[in-house]
Amino acid sequence: MRARPQRWRYKRRPPLQPLSAAERGVLRTRARADRDVVLRRLRQEAGFGLIELLMAMTILNVGILATVAAFNSGIVTLRRSGLIATASVLADKQMELYRSLTYGSIVLDSTSIPATTPYTSDPAWSSSQVTTTCTTPLPPECNASQSTTGPDHHPYRIDTYIIDDRPVTTYTQPPGTQHATSRALRRVTVVVRDGRNTNTVLAREMSTFDCSTALPYATGCPTS
């Protein structure tokens, strides 16, 4: 009897196993630090030039800023010293006007005295200043507050205060003759302020004048 040919039988494939996240490429595993790849990467010098450039730029910026700050401080100091020097010259010029006057002419015009600050807030201010009525236009020695421009083209304000520092006092001796026990003094204070900020005092000069300053002597001033 003839044998029947066998049919091909396909083997059933085994069921597919699920792949892990690492096998599918979804999860990347990190290389350990002790692997050769990591060590070789650490030994590489790529990128160090950029770090050195950043460090050099940082140090250079610090040095440049320090230099600019030093120059700026020097400029401010020189400017202020120049303002103070000019203000001192203006104060001397104003004070010289009173040194050329007689004692009785060292006065201020009452209408030129400001009634506001910073004039009234100055320590030299007094409610009993020596005043009179001067001719118009007011001469500089009679003007209590005046604005001017210095040789450096900067505005300045010159405030003047005049008070009787020590009036003449008398006493009666036994014979009945009056004699002055103290000589009259008139105190003149010149304050130069910054014209752009009048609260800033740049120069201050004070001088006292005896009652015998120039001729004729002031009334009540002893002649000997």
N, C-alpha and C. Protein backbone atom coordinates (compact mmCIF):
# COMPACT_ATOMS: atom_id res chain seq x y z
N MET A 1 0.85 -1.18 0.00
CA MET A 1 0.00 0.00 0.00
C MET A 1 0.88 1.22 0.00
N ARG A 2 0.49 2.11 -0.84
CA ARG A 2 1.33 3.33 -1.04
C ARG A 2 1.16 4.29 0.13
N ALA A 3 2.31 4.79 0.63
CA ALA A 3 2.26 5.70 1.81
C ALA A 3 1.78 7.08 1.41
N ARG A 4 1.00 7.59 2.21
CA ARG A 4 0.44 8.92 1.96
C ARG A 4 1.50 9.99 2.31
N PRO A 5 1.71 10.93 1.39
CA PRO A 5 2.73 11.96 1.69
C PRO A 5 2.30 12.85 2.89
N GLN A 6 3.28 13.14 3.68
CA GLN A 6 3.01 13.98 4.88
C GLN A 6 2.94 15.47 4.51
N ARG A 7 2.04 16.09 5.08
CA ARG A 7 1.92 17.54 4.87
C ARG A 7 2.88 18.30 5.79
N TRP A 8 3.29 19.47 5.23
CA TRP A 8 4.18 20.34 6.04
C TRP A 8 3.39 20.94 7.19
N ARG A 9 3.97 20.79 8.24
CA ARG A 9 3.37 21.36 9.44
C ARG A 9 4.26 22.50 9.93
N TYR A 10 3.62 23.63 9.98
CA TYR A 10 4.36 24.81 10.48
C TYR A 10 4.33 24.82 12.00
N LYS A 11 5.50 25.06 12.51
CA LYS A 11 5.58 25.15 13.97
C LYS A 11 5.00 26.46 14.46
N ARG A 12 4.28 26.38 15.45
CA ARG A 12 3.69 27.58 16.04
C ARG A 12 4.79 28.40 16.74
N ARG A 13 4.78 29.66 16.33
CA ARG A 13 5.78 30.54 16.92
C ARG A 13 5.46 30.81 18.39
N PRO A 14 6.52 31.00 19.16
CA PRO A 14 6.27 31.32 20.58
C PRO A 14 5.72 32.74 20.71
N PRO A 15 4.96 33.00 21.70
CA PRO A 15 4.40 34.36 21.88
C PRO A 15 5.51 35.40 22.08
N LEU A 16 5.26 36.61 21.49
CA LEU A 16 6.24 37.68 21.61
C LEU A 16 6.31 38.19 23.04
N GLN A 17 7.55 38.41 23.48
CA GLN A 17 7.77 38.93 24.82
C GLN A 17 7.82 40.47 24.74
N PRO A 18 7.19 41.16 25.69
CA PRO A 18 7.23 42.64 25.68
C PRO A 18 8.65 43.14 25.90
N LEU A 19 9.02 44.20 25.11
CA LEU A 19 10.35 44.80 25.24
C LEU A 19 10.36 45.82 26.37
N SER A 20 11.50 45.92 27.00
CA SER A 20 11.65 46.92 28.05
C SER A 20 11.83 48.31 27.45
N ALA A 21 11.71 49.34 28.31
CA ALA A 21 11.86 50.72 27.83
C ALA A 21 13.26 50.99 27.32
N ALA A 22 14.25 50.38 27.95
CA ALA A 22 15.62 50.56 27.49
C ALA A 22 15.84 49.91 26.14
N GLU A 23 15.22 48.72 25.93
CA GLU A 23 15.38 48.03 24.66
C GLU A 23 14.66 48.75 23.53
N ARG A 24 13.56 49.40 23.84
CA ARG A 24 12.84 50.14 22.81
C ARG A 24 13.46 51.51 22.53
N GLY A 25 14.44 51.92 23.31
CA GLY A 25 15.08 53.20 23.08
C GLY A 25 14.36 54.38 23.70
N VAL A 26 13.39 54.08 24.54
CA VAL A 26 12.65 55.15 25.20
C VAL A 26 13.41 55.66 26.41
N LEU A 27 13.98 54.76 27.14
CA LEU A 27 14.73 55.13 28.34
C LEU A 27 16.21 54.97 28.08
N ARG A 28 16.95 56.04 28.29
CA ARG A 28 18.39 56.01 28.09
C ARG A 28 19.07 55.81 29.42
N THR A 29 19.86 54.87 29.45
CA THR A 29 20.59 54.59 30.68
C THR A 29 21.85 55.45 30.71
N ARG A 30 22.21 55.90 31.87
CA ARG A 30 23.42 56.71 32.05
C ARG A 30 24.62 55.81 32.28
N ALA A 31 25.69 56.23 31.66
CA ALA A 31 26.92 55.46 31.84
C ALA A 31 27.49 55.71 33.22
N ARG A 32 28.04 54.68 33.76
CA ARG A 32 28.64 54.82 35.07
C ARG A 32 29.92 55.65 35.00
N ALA A 33 30.20 56.32 36.11
CA ALA A 33 31.34 57.23 36.11
C ALA A 33 32.67 56.51 36.01
N ASP A 34 32.72 55.25 36.37
CA ASP A 34 33.98 54.53 36.34
C ASP A 34 34.23 53.82 35.01
N ARG A 35 33.37 54.07 34.02
CA ARG A 35 33.57 53.47 32.72
C ARG A 35 34.62 54.26 31.94
N ASP A 36 35.24 53.60 31.01
CA ASP A 36 36.32 54.24 30.23
C ASP A 36 35.80 55.39 29.39
N VAL A 37 34.55 55.27 28.91
CA VAL A 37 34.02 56.33 28.06
C VAL A 37 33.87 57.62 28.86
N VAL A 38 33.38 57.48 30.08
CA VAL A 38 33.20 58.66 30.93
C VAL A 38 34.54 59.25 31.31
N LEU A 39 35.51 58.42 31.63
CA LEU A 39 36.82 58.92 32.02
C LEU A 39 37.51 59.62 30.86
N ARG A 40 37.39 59.05 29.67
CA ARG A 40 37.99 59.71 28.51
C ARG A 40 37.34 61.07 28.23
N ARG A 41 36.03 61.14 28.44
CA ARG A 41 35.34 62.40 28.20
C ARG A 41 35.75 63.46 29.22
N LEU A 42 36.00 63.02 30.44
CA LEU A 42 36.43 63.97 31.46
C LEU A 42 37.83 64.50 31.19
N ARG A 43 38.65 63.67 30.57
CA ARG A 43 40.03 64.09 30.29
C ARG A 43 40.13 65.01 29.07
N GLN A 44 39.09 65.12 28.33
CA GLN A 44 39.15 65.98 27.15
C GLN A 44 39.17 67.46 27.55
N GLU A 45 39.83 68.28 26.74
CA GLU A 45 39.96 69.72 27.01
C GLU A 45 39.04 70.56 26.15
N ALA A 46 38.14 69.97 25.47
CA ALA A 46 37.22 70.73 24.62
C ALA A 46 36.29 71.58 25.49
N GLY A 47 36.16 72.88 25.16
CA GLY A 47 35.29 73.78 25.93
C GLY A 47 36.01 74.58 26.99
N PHE A 48 37.25 74.20 27.33
CA PHE A 48 37.96 74.96 28.35
C PHE A 48 38.35 76.34 27.86
N GLY A 49 38.52 76.51 26.57
CA GLY A 49 38.83 77.83 26.03
C GLY A 49 37.71 78.83 26.28
N LEU A 50 36.47 78.37 26.18
CA LEU A 50 35.33 79.25 26.44
C LEU A 50 35.27 79.65 27.91
N ILE A 51 35.56 78.70 28.79
CA ILE A 51 35.58 79.01 30.23
C ILE A 51 36.68 80.01 30.55
N GLU A 52 37.86 79.80 29.97
CA GLU A 52 38.96 80.74 30.21
C GLU A 52 38.62 82.12 29.66
N LEU A 53 37.93 82.17 28.52
CA LEU A 53 37.54 83.46 27.96
C LEU A 53 36.56 84.19 28.86
N LEU A 54 35.60 83.46 29.41
CA LEU A 54 34.63 84.08 30.31
C LEU A 54 35.31 84.59 31.58
N MET A 55 36.25 83.80 32.12
CA MET A 55 36.96 84.25 33.31
C MET A 55 37.82 85.48 33.02
N ALA A 56 38.47 85.50 31.87
CA ALA A 56 39.29 86.66 31.52
C ALA A 56 38.43 87.91 31.33
N MET A 57 37.27 87.75 30.70
CA MET A 57 36.37 88.90 30.51
C MET A 57 35.85 89.41 31.85
N THR A 58 35.56 88.50 32.77
CA THR A 58 35.07 88.91 34.09
C THR A 58 36.14 89.71 34.84
N ILE A 59 37.37 89.19 34.85
CA ILE A 59 38.46 89.90 35.54
C ILE A 59 38.74 91.24 34.87
N LEU A 60 38.68 91.26 33.54
CA LEU A 60 38.93 92.51 32.81
C LEU A 60 37.85 93.54 33.12
N ASN A 61 36.59 93.09 33.22
CA ASN A 61 35.50 94.03 33.55
C ASN A 61 35.67 94.60 34.94
N VAL A 62 36.09 93.75 35.89
CA VAL A 62 36.32 94.24 37.26
C VAL A 62 37.43 95.30 37.27
N GLY A 63 38.52 95.02 36.54
CA GLY A 63 39.61 96.00 36.49
C GLY A 63 39.21 97.29 35.82
N ILE A 64 38.44 97.19 34.72
CA ILE A 64 38.01 98.41 34.02
C ILE A 64 37.07 99.22 34.89
N LEU A 65 36.13 98.55 35.57
CA LEU A 65 35.20 99.28 36.43
C LEU A 65 35.93 99.96 37.58
N ALA A 66 36.93 99.29 38.14
CA ALA A 66 37.71 99.92 39.23
C ALA A 66 38.46 101.15 38.71
N THR A 67 39.01 101.04 37.50
CA THR A 67 39.73 102.19 36.94
C THR A 67 38.79 103.36 36.65
N VAL A 68 37.62 103.04 36.09
CA VAL A 68 36.64 104.10 35.80
C VAL A 68 36.16 104.75 37.09
N ALA A 69 35.94 103.94 38.13
CA ALA A 69 35.50 104.51 39.42
C ALA A 69 36.57 105.43 40.00
N ALA A 70 37.84 105.05 39.86
CA ALA A 70 38.91 105.91 40.37
C ALA A 70 38.97 107.23 39.61
N PHE A 71 38.84 107.16 38.28
CA PHE A 71 38.83 108.40 37.49
C PHE A 71 37.63 109.26 37.83
N ASN A 72 36.46 108.63 38.00
CA ASN A 72 35.26 109.39 38.33
C ASN A 72 35.39 110.08 39.68
N SER A 73 35.93 109.36 40.66
CA SER A 73 36.13 109.96 41.97
C SER A 73 37.12 111.12 41.90
N GLY A 74 38.17 110.97 41.10
CA GLY A 74 39.13 112.05 40.95
C GLY A 74 38.52 113.28 40.29
N ILE A 75 37.67 113.05 39.27
CA ILE A 75 37.03 114.17 38.59
C ILE A 75 36.10 114.92 39.54
N VAL A 76 35.32 114.17 40.35
CA VAL A 76 34.41 114.81 41.30
C VAL A 76 35.20 115.61 42.34
N THR A 77 36.31 115.03 42.82
CA THR A 77 37.12 115.72 43.83
C THR A 77 37.73 117.00 43.26
N LEU A 78 38.24 116.92 42.04
CA LEU A 78 38.83 118.11 41.42
C LEU A 78 37.79 119.19 41.17
N ARG A 79 36.59 118.77 40.78
CA ARG A 79 35.54 119.75 40.52
C ARG A 79 35.13 120.45 41.81
N ARG A 80 34.98 119.67 42.89
CA ARG A 80 34.59 120.30 44.15
C ARG A 80 35.69 121.20 44.69
N SER A 81 36.94 120.77 44.56
CA SER A 81 38.04 121.63 45.03
C SER A 81 38.10 122.93 44.22
N GLY A 82 37.78 122.83 42.93
CA GLY A 82 37.74 124.05 42.12
C GLY A 82 36.62 124.98 42.55
N LEU A 83 35.45 124.42 42.88
CA LEU A 83 34.34 125.25 43.36
C LEU A 83 34.69 125.92 44.69
N ILE A 84 35.33 125.17 45.58
CA ILE A 84 35.69 125.74 46.88
C ILE A 84 36.73 126.84 46.73
N ALA A 85 37.70 126.63 45.83
CA ALA A 85 38.73 127.66 45.61
C ALA A 85 38.11 128.94 45.05
N THR A 86 37.20 128.80 44.10
CA THR A 86 36.56 129.99 43.53
C THR A 86 35.68 130.67 44.57
N ALA A 87 34.97 129.88 45.38
CA ALA A 87 34.11 130.47 46.42
C ALA A 87 34.95 131.20 47.46
N SER A 88 36.13 130.69 47.78
CA SER A 88 37.00 131.38 48.74
C SER A 88 37.47 132.73 48.19
N VAL A 89 37.75 132.77 46.90
CA VAL A 89 38.15 134.04 46.29
C VAL A 89 37.00 135.04 46.33
N LEU A 90 35.79 134.58 46.07
CA LEU A 90 34.63 135.48 46.12
C LEU A 90 34.38 135.98 47.54
N ALA A 91 34.58 135.12 48.53
CA ALA A 91 34.40 135.54 49.92
C ALA A 91 35.45 136.58 50.32
N ASP A 92 36.70 136.37 49.90
CA ASP A 92 37.74 137.36 50.19
C ASP A 92 37.44 138.70 49.51
N LYS A 93 36.95 138.63 48.29
CA LYS A 93 36.63 139.87 47.57
C LYS A 93 35.52 140.64 48.27
N GLN A 94 34.51 139.93 48.77
CA GLN A 94 33.42 140.60 49.48
C GLN A 94 33.90 141.17 50.80
N MET A 95 34.75 140.44 51.50
CA MET A 95 35.23 140.92 52.79
C MET A 95 36.14 142.13 52.62
N GLU A 96 36.89 142.20 51.55
CA GLU A 96 37.77 143.35 51.32
C GLU A 96 36.97 144.64 51.16
N LEU A 97 35.72 144.54 50.71
CA LEU A 97 34.89 145.74 50.59
C LEU A 97 34.67 146.40 51.94
N TYR A 98 34.51 145.60 52.99
CA TYR A 98 34.25 146.15 54.32
C TYR A 98 35.53 146.65 54.98
N ARG A 99 36.65 146.09 54.59
CA ARG A 99 37.93 146.57 55.16
C ARG A 99 38.29 147.96 54.64
N SER A 100 37.67 148.37 53.57
CA SER A 100 37.94 149.71 53.03
C SER A 100 36.91 150.74 53.48
N LEU A 101 35.97 150.34 54.35
CA LEU A 101 34.92 151.26 54.82
C LEU A 101 35.19 151.66 56.26
N THR A 102 34.55 152.75 56.65
CA THR A 102 34.59 153.15 58.06
C THR A 102 33.63 152.27 58.85
N TYR A 103 33.78 152.35 60.16
CA TYR A 103 32.97 151.50 61.03
C TYR A 103 31.48 151.76 60.82
N GLY A 104 31.10 153.00 60.72
CA GLY A 104 29.68 153.33 60.58
C GLY A 104 29.11 152.96 59.22
N SER A 105 29.95 152.71 58.23
CA SER A 105 29.46 152.35 56.90
C SER A 105 29.35 150.85 56.69
N ILE A 106 29.75 150.06 57.68
CA ILE A 106 29.65 148.60 57.56
C ILE A 106 28.24 148.21 57.97
N VAL A 107 27.33 148.30 57.06
CA VAL A 107 25.91 148.02 57.31
C VAL A 107 25.32 147.33 56.08
N LEU A 108 24.09 146.83 56.24
CA LEU A 108 23.35 146.20 55.15
C LEU A 108 22.07 146.98 54.89
N ASP A 109 21.61 146.95 53.68
CA ASP A 109 20.33 147.56 53.36
C ASP A 109 19.21 146.63 53.85
N SER A 110 18.26 147.19 54.57
CA SER A 110 17.20 146.38 55.18
C SER A 110 16.33 145.68 54.14
N THR A 111 16.17 146.26 52.97
CA THR A 111 15.32 145.65 51.94
C THR A 111 15.99 144.49 51.22
N SER A 112 17.30 144.34 51.37
CA SER A 112 18.01 143.27 50.67
C SER A 112 18.14 142.00 51.49
N ILE A 113 17.68 142.04 52.74
CA ILE A 113 17.84 140.87 53.61
C ILE A 113 16.72 139.86 53.30
N PRO A 114 17.05 138.65 52.87
CA PRO A 114 16.01 137.64 52.59
C PRO A 114 15.33 137.19 53.88
N ALA A 115 14.06 136.83 53.75
CA ALA A 115 13.30 136.34 54.90
C ALA A 115 13.05 134.84 54.81
N THR A 116 13.76 134.16 53.92
CA THR A 116 13.57 132.72 53.73
C THR A 116 14.90 132.00 53.89
N THR A 117 14.78 130.70 53.96
CA THR A 117 15.97 129.85 54.02
C THR A 117 16.61 129.79 52.64
N PRO A 118 17.87 129.54 52.51
CA PRO A 118 18.81 129.16 53.56
C PRO A 118 19.45 130.34 54.29
N TYR A 119 19.04 131.57 53.95
CA TYR A 119 19.65 132.73 54.60
C TYR A 119 19.32 132.74 56.09
N THR A 120 18.05 132.53 56.42
CA THR A 120 17.63 132.62 57.82
C THR A 120 18.01 131.39 58.63
N SER A 121 18.38 130.29 57.96
CA SER A 121 18.75 129.08 58.69
C SER A 121 20.24 128.97 58.94
N ASP A 122 21.00 129.96 58.50
CA ASP A 122 22.45 129.93 58.72
C ASP A 122 22.77 130.30 60.16
N PRO A 123 23.80 129.68 60.74
CA PRO A 123 24.16 130.01 62.13
C PRO A 123 24.53 131.48 62.33
N ALA A 124 24.97 132.17 61.29
CA ALA A 124 25.37 133.58 61.43
C ALA A 124 24.17 134.52 61.39
N TRP A 125 22.99 134.00 61.09
CA TRP A 125 21.82 134.89 60.98
C TRP A 125 21.39 135.41 62.35
N SER A 126 20.94 136.65 62.38
CA SER A 126 20.43 137.27 63.60
C SER A 126 19.29 138.20 63.22
N SER A 127 18.31 138.24 64.07
CA SER A 127 17.17 139.13 63.81
C SER A 127 17.51 140.59 64.04
N SER A 128 18.65 140.85 64.67
CA SER A 128 19.05 142.25 64.96
C SER A 128 20.32 142.59 64.20
N GLN A 129 20.25 142.49 62.89
CA GLN A 129 21.41 142.86 62.08
C GLN A 129 21.48 144.38 61.94
N VAL A 130 22.68 144.84 61.66
CA VAL A 130 22.92 146.27 61.50
C VAL A 130 22.47 146.67 60.11
N THR A 131 21.43 147.48 60.04
CA THR A 131 20.86 147.85 58.73
C THR A 131 20.74 149.36 58.60
N THR A 132 20.55 149.77 57.37
CA THR A 132 20.31 151.17 57.03
C THR A 132 19.64 151.20 55.66
N THR A 133 19.46 152.38 55.13
CA THR A 133 18.89 152.53 53.79
C THR A 133 19.99 153.02 52.85
N CYS A 134 20.36 152.16 51.91
CA CYS A 134 21.44 152.50 50.98
C CYS A 134 20.86 153.07 49.68
N THR A 135 21.71 153.67 48.93
CA THR A 135 21.29 154.24 47.65
C THR A 135 21.07 153.12 46.63
N THR A 136 20.24 153.39 45.66
CA THR A 136 19.99 152.43 44.59
C THR A 136 20.71 152.88 43.32
N PRO A 137 21.25 151.97 42.58
CA PRO A 137 21.30 150.52 42.84
C PRO A 137 22.19 150.19 44.01
N LEU A 138 21.86 149.11 44.70
CA LEU A 138 22.58 148.78 45.92
C LEU A 138 24.04 148.43 45.61
N PRO A 139 24.97 149.03 46.32
CA PRO A 139 26.37 148.62 46.15
C PRO A 139 26.57 147.22 46.74
N PRO A 140 27.58 146.51 46.30
CA PRO A 140 27.78 145.14 46.78
C PRO A 140 27.93 145.03 48.29
N GLU A 141 28.53 146.04 48.93
CA GLU A 141 28.73 145.95 50.39
C GLU A 141 27.45 146.14 51.17
N CYS A 142 26.40 146.69 50.55
CA CYS A 142 25.11 146.87 51.22
C CYS A 142 24.13 145.75 50.92
N ASN A 143 24.44 144.92 49.96
CA ASN A 143 23.53 143.86 49.54
C ASN A 143 23.75 142.63 50.40
N ALA A 144 22.70 142.20 51.09
CA ALA A 144 22.83 141.05 52.00
C ALA A 144 22.89 139.74 51.24
N SER A 145 22.30 139.67 50.08
CA SER A 145 22.30 138.43 49.31
C SER A 145 22.36 138.77 47.83
N GLN A 146 23.35 138.25 47.16
CA GLN A 146 23.54 138.55 45.74
C GLN A 146 24.03 137.31 45.02
N SER A 147 23.65 137.19 43.76
CA SER A 147 24.07 136.08 42.91
C SER A 147 25.08 136.58 41.90
N THR A 148 26.05 135.73 41.63
CA THR A 148 27.10 136.09 40.69
C THR A 148 27.59 134.85 39.97
N THR A 149 28.32 135.06 38.91
CA THR A 149 28.92 133.97 38.15
C THR A 149 30.42 134.07 38.27
N GLY A 150 31.04 132.98 38.70
CA GLY A 150 32.48 132.98 38.90
C GLY A 150 33.25 132.88 37.59
N PRO A 151 34.56 132.97 37.65
CA PRO A 151 35.38 132.84 36.44
C PRO A 151 35.29 131.45 35.82
N ASP A 152 34.79 130.46 36.57
CA ASP A 152 34.60 129.12 36.03
C ASP A 152 33.23 128.94 35.41
N HIS A 153 32.49 130.07 35.25
CA HIS A 153 31.15 130.07 34.65
C HIS A 153 30.15 129.26 35.48
N HIS A 154 30.40 129.17 36.77
CA HIS A 154 29.49 128.47 37.67
C HIS A 154 28.76 129.50 38.53
N PRO A 155 27.46 129.35 38.76
CA PRO A 155 26.73 130.33 39.56
C PRO A 155 27.02 130.18 41.06
N TYR A 156 27.14 131.31 41.74
CA TYR A 156 27.37 131.34 43.18
C TYR A 156 26.42 132.35 43.81
N ARG A 157 26.16 132.15 45.09
CA ARG A 157 25.35 133.08 45.86
C ARG A 157 26.14 133.54 47.08
N ILE A 158 26.23 134.84 47.26
CA ILE A 158 27.00 135.42 48.35
C ILE A 158 26.04 136.03 49.37
N ASP A 159 26.01 135.46 50.57
CA ASP A 159 25.18 135.97 51.66
C ASP A 159 26.08 136.63 52.70
N THR A 160 25.66 137.81 53.17
CA THR A 160 26.44 138.58 54.14
C THR A 160 25.59 138.84 55.37
N TYR A 161 26.22 138.68 56.54
CA TYR A 161 25.56 138.92 57.83
C TYR A 161 26.42 139.91 58.62
N ILE A 162 25.79 140.95 59.14
CA ILE A 162 26.50 141.97 59.93
C ILE A 162 25.74 142.19 61.23
N ILE A 163 26.41 141.99 62.34
CA ILE A 163 25.80 142.20 63.65
C ILE A 163 26.80 142.92 64.55
N ASP A 164 26.27 143.58 65.57
CA ASP A 164 27.12 144.18 66.60
C ASP A 164 27.48 143.10 67.60
N ASP A 165 28.74 142.72 67.56
CA ASP A 165 29.17 141.61 68.41
C ASP A 165 29.27 142.03 69.87
N ARG A 166 29.70 143.25 70.11
CA ARG A 166 29.84 143.71 71.50
C ARG A 166 29.66 145.22 71.51
N PRO A 167 28.49 145.70 71.88
CA PRO A 167 28.27 147.15 71.90
C PRO A 167 29.06 147.82 73.03
N VAL A 168 29.19 149.11 72.91
CA VAL A 168 29.95 149.88 73.91
C VAL A 168 29.16 149.94 75.21
N THR A 169 29.83 149.64 76.30
CA THR A 169 29.23 149.79 77.65
C THR A 169 30.08 150.78 78.44
N THR A 170 29.45 151.50 79.33
CA THR A 170 30.15 152.52 80.12
C THR A 170 29.87 152.31 81.60
N TYR A 171 30.71 152.91 82.39
CA TYR A 171 30.50 152.92 83.83
C TYR A 171 30.93 154.29 84.36
N THR A 172 30.53 154.60 85.55
CA THR A 172 30.81 155.92 86.15
C THR A 172 31.87 155.78 87.22
N GLN A 173 32.98 156.45 86.98
CA GLN A 173 34.02 156.45 87.99
C GLN A 173 33.65 157.41 89.13
N PRO A 174 34.33 157.32 90.24
CA PRO A 174 34.03 158.24 91.35
C PRO A 174 34.03 159.69 90.98
N PRO A 175 34.97 160.17 90.12
CA PRO A 175 34.87 161.60 89.75
C PRO A 175 33.64 161.93 88.92
N GLY A 176 32.95 160.92 88.42
CA GLY A 176 31.75 161.18 87.64
C GLY A 176 31.98 161.21 86.14
N THR A 177 33.18 160.80 85.66
CA THR A 177 33.47 160.80 84.23
C THR A 177 33.17 159.41 83.66
N GLN A 178 32.46 159.39 82.53
CA GLN A 178 32.13 158.12 81.90
C GLN A 178 33.29 157.65 81.03
N HIS A 179 33.61 156.39 81.17
CA HIS A 179 34.67 155.78 80.38
C HIS A 179 34.15 154.46 79.82
N ALA A 180 34.52 154.18 78.61
CA ALA A 180 34.10 152.92 77.99
C ALA A 180 34.88 151.77 78.60
N THR A 181 34.16 150.77 79.03
CA THR A 181 34.80 149.58 79.60
C THR A 181 35.05 148.51 78.54
N SER A 182 34.41 148.60 77.40
CA SER A 182 34.65 147.65 76.32
C SER A 182 34.48 148.37 74.99
N ARG A 183 35.24 147.96 74.01
CA ARG A 183 35.19 148.59 72.69
C ARG A 183 34.15 147.87 71.84
N ALA A 184 33.43 148.63 71.07
CA ALA A 184 32.39 148.06 70.20
C ALA A 184 33.04 147.29 69.05
N LEU A 185 32.48 146.11 68.77
CA LEU A 185 32.95 145.28 67.68
C LEU A 185 31.78 144.96 66.76
N ARG A 186 32.03 144.97 65.49
CA ARG A 186 31.01 144.62 64.50
C ARG A 186 31.51 143.38 63.75
N ARG A 187 30.71 142.35 63.77
CA ARG A 187 31.12 141.08 63.16
C ARG A 187 30.45 140.92 61.80
N VAL A 188 31.28 140.63 60.80
CA VAL A 188 30.82 140.44 59.42
C VAL A 188 31.11 138.99 59.02
N THR A 189 30.09 138.31 58.56
CA THR A 189 30.22 136.92 58.10
C THR A 189 29.78 136.85 56.65
N VAL A 190 30.64 136.30 55.82
CA VAL A 190 30.34 136.13 54.39
C VAL A 190 30.25 134.63 54.11
N VAL A 191 29.14 134.21 53.55
CA VAL A 191 28.90 132.80 53.22
C VAL A 191 28.66 132.70 51.72
N VAL A 192 29.45 131.88 51.06
CA VAL A 192 29.31 131.66 49.62
C VAL A 192 28.69 130.28 49.42
N ARG A 193 27.57 130.24 48.71
CA ARG A 193 26.85 129.00 48.46
C ARG A 193 26.89 128.64 46.97
N ASP A 194 26.61 127.38 46.74
CA ASP A 194 26.51 126.91 45.36
C ASP A 194 25.23 127.46 44.74
N GLY A 195 25.36 128.12 43.60
CA GLY A 195 24.19 128.72 42.98
C GLY A 195 23.18 127.71 42.50
N ARG A 196 23.61 126.50 42.20
CA ARG A 196 22.68 125.46 41.74
C ARG A 196 22.04 124.70 42.89
N ASN A 197 22.66 124.76 44.05
CA ASN A 197 22.10 124.16 45.26
C ASN A 197 22.48 125.05 46.43
N THR A 198 21.62 125.99 46.75
CA THR A 198 21.95 127.00 47.75
C THR A 198 22.09 126.43 49.16
N ASN A 199 21.68 125.19 49.37
CA ASN A 199 21.88 124.58 50.68
C ASN A 199 23.32 124.12 50.90
N THR A 200 24.11 124.12 49.84
CA THR A 200 25.51 123.69 49.93
C THR A 200 26.40 124.91 50.15
N VAL A 201 27.09 124.94 51.27
CA VAL A 201 28.01 126.03 51.60
C VAL A 201 29.40 125.65 51.11
N LEU A 202 29.97 126.49 50.27
CA LEU A 202 31.29 126.23 49.72
C LEU A 202 32.40 126.96 50.47
N ALA A 203 32.12 128.14 51.00
CA ALA A 203 33.13 128.92 51.71
C ALA A 203 32.44 129.79 52.75
N ARG A 204 33.15 130.00 53.86
CA ARG A 204 32.64 130.85 54.94
C ARG A 204 33.81 131.64 55.51
N GLU A 205 33.60 132.94 55.66
CA GLU A 205 34.66 133.82 56.17
C GLU A 205 34.05 134.80 57.15
N MET A 206 34.70 134.98 58.28
CA MET A 206 34.20 135.86 59.32
C MET A 206 35.31 136.80 59.79
N SER A 207 34.96 138.05 60.03
CA SER A 207 35.94 139.04 60.49
C SER A 207 35.23 140.03 61.40
N THR A 208 35.97 140.55 62.36
CA THR A 208 35.43 141.55 63.28
C THR A 208 36.12 142.89 63.02
N PHE A 209 35.35 143.96 63.20
CA PHE A 209 35.85 145.32 62.97
C PHE A 209 35.66 146.12 64.24
N ASP A 210 36.74 146.75 64.66
CA ASP A 210 36.71 147.59 65.86
C ASP A 210 36.04 148.93 65.54
N CYS A 211 35.51 149.55 66.58
CA CYS A 211 34.83 150.82 66.37
C CYS A 211 35.77 151.92 65.90
N SER A 212 37.07 151.69 66.05
CA SER A 212 38.03 152.69 65.59
C SER A 212 38.50 152.43 64.16
N THR A 213 37.80 151.53 63.46
CA THR A 213 38.19 151.24 62.08
C THR A 213 38.00 152.48 61.21
N ALA A 214 39.08 152.95 60.64
CA ALA A 214 39.09 154.14 59.78
C ALA A 214 38.63 155.37 60.55
N LEU A 215 38.59 156.48 59.92
CA LEU A 215 38.17 157.74 60.53
C LEU A 215 36.92 158.27 59.83
N PRO A 216 36.01 158.89 60.52
CA PRO A 216 36.07 159.20 61.96
C PRO A 216 35.67 157.99 62.81
N TYR A 217 36.04 158.06 64.10
CA TYR A 217 35.68 156.99 65.01
C TYR A 217 34.17 156.94 65.17
N ALA A 218 33.70 155.73 65.52
CA ALA A 218 32.27 155.58 65.77
C ALA A 218 31.90 156.31 67.05
N THR A 219 30.62 156.65 67.14
CA THR A 219 30.14 157.37 68.32
C THR A 219 30.32 156.51 69.56
N GLY A 220 30.93 157.09 70.58
CA GLY A 220 31.15 156.37 71.83
C GLY A 220 32.41 155.54 71.84
N CYS A 221 33.15 155.54 70.77
CA CYS A 221 34.37 154.74 70.72
C CYS A 221 35.50 155.51 71.39
N PRO A 222 36.19 154.91 72.35
CA PRO A 222 37.28 155.63 73.02
C PRO A 222 38.43 155.90 72.07
N THR A 223 39.02 157.03 72.19
CA THR A 223 40.12 157.42 71.31
C THR A 223 41.48 157.15 71.92
N SER A 224 41.51 156.64 73.11
CA SER A 224 42.80 156.36 73.75
C SER A 224 42.69 155.10 74.58
